[in-house]
Amino acid sequence: MLKTLRTQKSAKIYRKYLKGLKSHKKTLCPLCDERVSVKSFKYWRIVKNIFPYDKIANRHDMLLPRRHISENKLNEREIAEYKKIKENYIRNTNYHYIMEANQKMASIPNHFHLHLVELK
């Protein structure tokens, strides 16, 4: 059985969503889709995760660069702003953890993103 931080119900919905993306050969990145930002910055934004880790989290947002890019392609300005966001914004919110899936587990590996989680 696949380990997940989602409830069984949410995990089932998420798997169905991912299967739909693959079956329609959708090339658009789900993180690039228009979503309302919880917080916006010049190079980054925080969005609500539509498939949250609801087994462990009261709140689950994601920090992602505005452009579709992998972590190793971030430029100096993006990296500098990320550090400022982490030190000045995330640290002063109710988020308990910043989480990142490793390459093996990442469902969207080509658009760098971090999970911001407030535990239950």
C-alpha atoms as a PDB file:
ATOM      1  CA  MET A   1       0.000   0.000   0.000  1.00  0.00           C
ATOM      2  CA  LEU A   2       1.234   3.465  -0.925  1.00  0.00           C
ATOM      3  CA  LYS A   3       2.059   5.630   2.070  1.00  0.00           C
ATOM      4  CA  THR A   4       0.302   8.968   2.075  1.00  0.00           C
ATOM      5  CA  LEU A   5      -0.292  11.989   4.267  1.00  0.00           C
ATOM      6  CA  ARG A   6      -3.826  12.246   2.892  1.00  0.00           C
ATOM      7  CA  THR A   7      -6.896  10.577   4.296  1.00  0.00           C
ATOM      8  CA  GLN A   8      -8.036   7.505   2.393  1.00  0.00           C
ATOM      9  CA  LYS A   9     -10.882   9.490   0.801  1.00  0.00           C
ATOM     10  CA  SER A  10      -8.623  12.372  -0.268  1.00  0.00           C
ATOM     11  CA  ALA A  11      -5.923  10.017  -1.552  1.00  0.00           C
ATOM     12  CA  LYS A  12      -8.485   8.264  -3.748  1.00  0.00           C
ATOM     13  CA  ILE A  13      -9.638  11.594  -5.232  1.00  0.00           C
ATOM     14  CA  TYR A  14      -6.019  12.648  -5.821  1.00  0.00           C
ATOM     15  CA  ARG A  15      -5.116   9.357  -7.554  1.00  0.00           C
ATOM     16  CA  LYS A  16      -8.171   9.735  -9.806  1.00  0.00           C
ATOM     17  CA  TYR A  17      -7.077  13.291 -10.656  1.00  0.00           C
ATOM     18  CA  LEU A  18      -3.528  12.169 -11.532  1.00  0.00           C
ATOM     19  CA  LYS A  19      -4.863   9.287 -13.607  1.00  0.00           C
ATOM     20  CA  GLY A  20      -7.059  11.748 -15.503  1.00  0.00           C
ATOM     21  CA  LEU A  21      -4.069  13.950 -16.269  1.00  0.00           C
ATOM     22  CA  LYS A  22      -2.151  10.986 -17.658  1.00  0.00           C
ATOM     23  CA  SER A  23      -5.061   9.579 -19.662  1.00  0.00           C
ATOM     24  CA  HIS A  24      -5.772  12.927 -21.322  1.00  0.00           C
ATOM     25  CA  LYS A  25      -2.066  13.409 -21.977  1.00  0.00           C
ATOM     26  CA  LYS A  26      -2.495  16.867 -20.545  1.00  0.00           C
ATOM     27  CA  THR A  27       0.768  18.735 -20.946  1.00  0.00           C
ATOM     28  CA  LEU A  28      -0.148  21.704 -18.798  1.00  0.00           C
ATOM     29  CA  CYS A  29       1.320  21.771 -15.343  1.00  0.00           C
ATOM     30  CA  PRO A  30      -1.336  21.707 -12.601  1.00  0.00           C
ATOM     31  CA  LEU A  31       0.753  24.199 -10.621  1.00  0.00           C
ATOM     32  CA  CYS A  32       0.793  26.623 -13.538  1.00  0.00           C
ATOM     33  CA  ASP A  33      -3.005  26.615 -13.759  1.00  0.00           C
ATOM     34  CA  GLU A  34      -4.639  29.802 -12.627  1.00  0.00           C
ATOM     35  CA  ARG A  35      -5.143  29.604  -8.888  1.00  0.00           C
ATOM     36  CA  VAL A  36      -5.800  32.353  -6.453  1.00  0.00           C
ATOM     37  CA  SER A  37      -2.650  33.132  -4.521  1.00  0.00           C
ATOM     38  CA  VAL A  38      -2.772  33.139  -0.741  1.00  0.00           C
ATOM     39  CA  LYS A  39       0.237  35.470  -0.893  1.00  0.00           C
ATOM     40  CA  SER A  40       2.134  36.899  -3.861  1.00  0.00           C
ATOM     41  CA  PHE A  41       5.742  37.953  -4.206  1.00  0.00           C
ATOM     42  CA  LYS A  42       7.789  39.125  -7.192  1.00  0.00           C
ATOM     43  CA  TYR A  43       9.136  35.682  -8.177  1.00  0.00           C
ATOM     44  CA  TRP A  44       7.111  33.372  -5.925  1.00  0.00           C
ATOM     45  CA  ARG A  45       3.578  32.787  -4.768  1.00  0.00           C
ATOM     46  CA  ILE A  46       1.811  30.759  -2.135  1.00  0.00           C
ATOM     47  CA  VAL A  47      -1.276  28.843  -3.238  1.00  0.00           C
ATOM     48  CA  LYS A  48      -3.686  26.635  -1.373  1.00  0.00           C
ATOM     49  CA  ASN A  49      -3.072  22.954  -2.058  1.00  0.00           C
ATOM     50  CA  ILE A  50      -6.269  21.599  -3.625  1.00  0.00           C
ATOM     51  CA  PHE A  51      -5.235  18.089  -2.525  1.00  0.00           C
ATOM     52  CA  PRO A  52      -4.002  18.779   1.020  1.00  0.00           C
ATOM     53  CA  TYR A  53      -2.301  16.417   3.432  1.00  0.00           C
ATOM     54  CA  ASP A  54      -5.539  16.316   5.401  1.00  0.00           C
ATOM     55  CA  LYS A  55      -4.490  13.350   7.526  1.00  0.00           C
ATOM     56  CA  ILE A  56      -1.967  15.562   9.340  1.00  0.00           C
ATOM     57  CA  ALA A  57      -2.692  19.179   8.427  1.00  0.00           C
ATOM     58  CA  ASN A  58      -5.224  21.836   9.306  1.00  0.00           C
ATOM     59  CA  ARG A  59      -3.749  24.001   6.570  1.00  0.00           C
ATOM     60  CA  HIS A  60      -1.634  23.010   3.585  1.00  0.00           C
ATOM     61  CA  ASP A  61      -0.394  25.572   1.103  1.00  0.00           C
ATOM     62  CA  MET A  62       2.437  25.433  -1.410  1.00  0.00           C
ATOM     63  CA  LEU A  63       5.229  27.859  -2.181  1.00  0.00           C
ATOM     64  CA  LEU A  64       6.159  27.835  -5.851  1.00  0.00           C
ATOM     65  CA  PRO A  65       8.059  29.981  -8.312  1.00  0.00           C
ATOM     66  CA  ARG A  66       5.892  31.970 -10.694  1.00  0.00           C
ATOM     67  CA  ARG A  67       7.595  30.338 -13.645  1.00  0.00           C
ATOM     68  CA  HIS A  68       7.535  26.636 -14.457  1.00  0.00           C
ATOM     69  CA  ILE A  69      11.026  25.562 -13.476  1.00  0.00           C
ATOM     70  CA  SER A  70      12.940  22.890 -11.604  1.00  0.00           C
ATOM     71  CA  GLU A  71      14.892  23.768  -8.472  1.00  0.00           C
ATOM     72  CA  ASN A  72      18.309  23.543 -10.110  1.00  0.00           C
ATOM     73  CA  LYS A  73      17.294  26.131 -12.733  1.00  0.00           C
ATOM     74  CA  LEU A  74      16.274  28.859 -10.265  1.00  0.00           C
ATOM     75  CA  ASN A  75      18.208  32.063 -10.811  1.00  0.00           C
ATOM     76  CA  GLU A  76      19.976  34.141  -8.159  1.00  0.00           C
ATOM     77  CA  ARG A  77      17.053  36.582  -7.764  1.00  0.00           C
ATOM     78  CA  GLU A  78      14.580  33.741  -7.234  1.00  0.00           C
ATOM     79  CA  ILE A  79      16.835  32.062  -4.698  1.00  0.00           C
ATOM     80  CA  ALA A  80      17.411  35.329  -2.818  1.00  0.00           C
ATOM     81  CA  GLU A  81      13.678  36.040  -2.663  1.00  0.00           C
ATOM     82  CA  TYR A  82      12.960  32.474  -1.516  1.00  0.00           C
ATOM     83  CA  LYS A  83      15.365  32.945   1.385  1.00  0.00           C
ATOM     84  CA  LYS A  84      13.668  36.223   2.343  1.00  0.00           C
ATOM     85  CA  ILE A  85      10.216  34.620   2.154  1.00  0.00           C
ATOM     86  CA  LYS A  86      11.380  31.761   4.344  1.00  0.00           C
ATOM     87  CA  GLU A  87      13.021  34.031   6.920  1.00  0.00           C
ATOM     88  CA  ASN A  88      10.532  36.909   6.963  1.00  0.00           C
ATOM     89  CA  TYR A  89       7.163  35.497   5.971  1.00  0.00           C
ATOM     90  CA  ILE A  90       6.923  31.755   6.549  1.00  0.00           C
ATOM     91  CA  ARG A  91       8.666  31.953   9.910  1.00  0.00           C
ATOM     92  CA  ASN A  92       6.030  34.458  11.116  1.00  0.00           C
ATOM     93  CA  THR A  93       2.957  32.460  10.062  1.00  0.00           C
ATOM     94  CA  ASN A  94       1.215  29.451  11.572  1.00  0.00           C
ATOM     95  CA  TYR A  95       3.037  26.993   9.309  1.00  0.00           C
ATOM     96  CA  HIS A  96       4.832  24.345  11.342  1.00  0.00           C
ATOM     97  CA  TYR A  97       6.806  22.702   8.554  1.00  0.00           C
ATOM     98  CA  ILE A  98       8.202  23.251   5.099  1.00  0.00           C
ATOM     99  CA  MET A  99       8.107  19.899   3.308  1.00  0.00           C
ATOM    100  CA  GLU A 100       9.557  18.731   0.020  1.00  0.00           C
ATOM    101  CA  ALA A 101       8.979  15.406  -1.685  1.00  0.00           C
ATOM    102  CA  ASN A 102      12.064  13.704  -3.063  1.00  0.00           C
ATOM    103  CA  GLN A 103      12.256  13.097  -6.808  1.00  0.00           C
ATOM    104  CA  LYS A 104      10.912   9.540  -6.473  1.00  0.00           C
ATOM    105  CA  MET A 105       7.720  10.673  -4.692  1.00  0.00           C
ATOM    106  CA  ALA A 106       7.114  14.018  -6.428  1.00  0.00           C
ATOM    107  CA  SER A 107       3.944  13.952  -8.522  1.00  0.00           C
ATOM    108  CA  ILE A 108       4.922  17.231 -10.229  1.00  0.00           C
ATOM    109  CA  PRO A 109       8.734  17.015 -10.377  1.00  0.00           C
ATOM    110  CA  ASN A 110       9.316  19.629 -13.075  1.00  0.00           C
ATOM    111  CA  HIS A 111       7.752  22.583 -11.243  1.00  0.00           C
ATOM    112  CA  PHE A 112       9.657  23.163  -8.039  1.00  0.00           C
ATOM    113  CA  HIS A 113       7.389  23.603  -5.037  1.00  0.00           C
ATOM    114  CA  LEU A 114       7.466  23.266  -1.290  1.00  0.00           C
ATOM    115  CA  HIS A 115       4.616  22.253   0.974  1.00  0.00           C
ATOM    116  CA  LEU A 116       3.763  24.592   3.837  1.00  0.00           C
ATOM    117  CA  VAL A 117       1.952  22.701   6.548  1.00  0.00           C
ATOM    118  CA  GLU A 118       0.158  23.641   9.747  1.00  0.00           C
ATOM    119  CA  LEU A 119      -0.302  20.449  11.743  1.00  0.00           C
ATOM    120  CA  LYS A 120      -3.558  19.356  13.326  1.00  0.00           C
END
